[in-house]
């Protein structure tokens, strides 16, 4: 709208052009806030994915170590049963 159309619109509805400008600025800021909020949410999601991946890798490493320790205990028990070390493992 040009100034004349805006003035006519405001007179018809009992508004001031400054009010229209303030409302427009508020709406633009709300849209910018939504965009910034969306960006922050996306960044947080990305960081959470990285954290989950690191935790899953750590868990897999620990599970492998636990499986290896269990296998060694079984082998030691079997060796003791075969050769009779005198230890009851």
Protein backbone atom coordinates (compact mmCIF):
# COMPACT_ATOMS: atom_id res chain seq x y z
CA UNK A 1 0.00 0.00 0.00
CA UNK A 2 1.17 3.51 -0.68
CA UNK A 3 0.76 6.26 1.91
CA UNK A 4 -2.56 7.54 0.57
CA UNK A 5 -4.12 4.06 0.54
CA UNK A 6 -2.76 3.35 4.01
CA UNK A 7 -4.17 6.63 5.35
CA UNK A 8 -7.60 5.88 3.84
CA UNK A 9 -7.55 2.35 5.27
CA UNK A 10 -6.66 3.66 8.72
CA UNK A 11 -9.42 6.34 8.63
CA UNK A 12 -12.02 3.71 7.73
CA UNK A 13 -11.03 1.50 10.66
CA UNK A 14 -10.13 4.13 13.25
CA UNK A 15 -6.43 3.28 13.30
CA UNK A 16 -3.20 5.23 13.05
CA UNK A 17 -0.52 4.41 10.47
CA UNK A 18 1.98 4.09 13.33
CA UNK A 19 -0.08 1.23 14.75
CA UNK A 20 0.04 -0.59 11.43
CA UNK A 21 3.82 -0.08 11.32
CA UNK A 22 4.21 -1.37 14.88
CA UNK A 23 2.07 -4.44 14.14
CA UNK A 24 4.06 -5.14 11.01
CA UNK A 25 7.37 -4.88 12.89
CA UNK A 26 6.04 -7.19 15.63
CA UNK A 27 4.96 -9.77 13.04
CA UNK A 28 8.34 -9.63 11.29
CA UNK A 29 10.14 -10.12 14.60
CA UNK A 30 7.88 -13.04 15.45
CA UNK A 31 8.78 -14.70 12.16
CA UNK A 32 12.49 -14.09 12.78
CA UNK A 33 12.15 -15.56 16.27
CA UNK A 34 10.49 -18.65 14.83
CA UNK A 35 13.31 -19.07 12.31
CA UNK A 36 15.97 -18.62 15.00
CA UNK A 37 14.15 -21.03 17.30
CA UNK A 38 13.99 -23.60 14.53
CA UNK A 39 17.71 -23.21 13.88
CA UNK A 40 18.52 -23.66 17.59
CA UNK A 41 16.33 -26.75 17.73
CA UNK A 42 18.06 -28.22 14.69
CA UNK A 43 21.48 -27.54 16.22
CA UNK A 44 20.44 -29.17 19.51
CA UNK A 45 19.14 -32.21 17.63
CA UNK A 46 22.42 -32.51 15.75
CA UNK A 47 24.40 -32.34 19.00
CA UNK A 48 22.15 -34.98 20.57
CA UNK A 49 22.72 -37.30 17.61
CA UNK A 50 26.49 -36.92 18.02
CA UNK A 51 26.19 -37.63 21.74
CA UNK A 52 24.05 -40.73 21.15
CA UNK A 53 26.49 -42.02 18.54
CA UNK A 54 29.44 -41.56 20.91
CA UNK A 55 27.57 -43.34 23.71
CA UNK A 56 26.64 -46.23 21.40
CA UNK A 57 30.27 -46.60 20.32
CA UNK A 58 31.39 -46.60 23.95
CA UNK A 59 28.76 -49.20 24.83
CA UNK A 60 29.83 -51.45 21.94
CA UNK A 61 33.47 -51.20 23.05
CA UNK A 62 32.55 -52.14 26.61
CA UNK A 63 30.37 -55.03 25.47
CA UNK A 64 33.28 -56.41 23.43
CA UNK A 65 35.60 -56.12 26.43
CA UNK A 66 33.05 -57.86 28.65
CA UNK A 67 32.60 -60.68 26.13
CA UNK A 68 36.38 -61.12 25.94
CA UNK A 69 36.67 -61.24 29.74
CA UNK A 70 33.88 -63.82 29.94
CA UNK A 71 35.59 -65.95 27.28
CA UNK A 72 38.87 -65.81 29.18
CA UNK A 73 37.16 -66.90 32.39
CA UNK A 74 35.54 -69.85 30.63
CA UNK A 75 38.88 -70.86 29.09
CA UNK A 76 40.62 -70.62 32.46
CA UNK A 77 37.90 -72.73 34.07
CA UNK A 78 38.15 -75.34 31.28
CA UNK A 79 41.95 -75.43 31.54
CA UNK A 80 41.72 -75.91 35.29
CA UNK A 81 39.25 -78.75 34.81
CA UNK A 82 41.48 -80.46 32.23
CA UNK A 83 44.86 -80.09 33.94
CA UNK A 84 43.62 -79.91 37.51
CA UNK A 85 45.57 -76.90 38.78
CA UNK A 86 44.07 -77.44 42.15
CA UNK A 87 42.09 -74.23 41.82
CA UNK A 88 38.36 -74.44 41.78
CA UNK A 89 37.58 -71.60 39.44
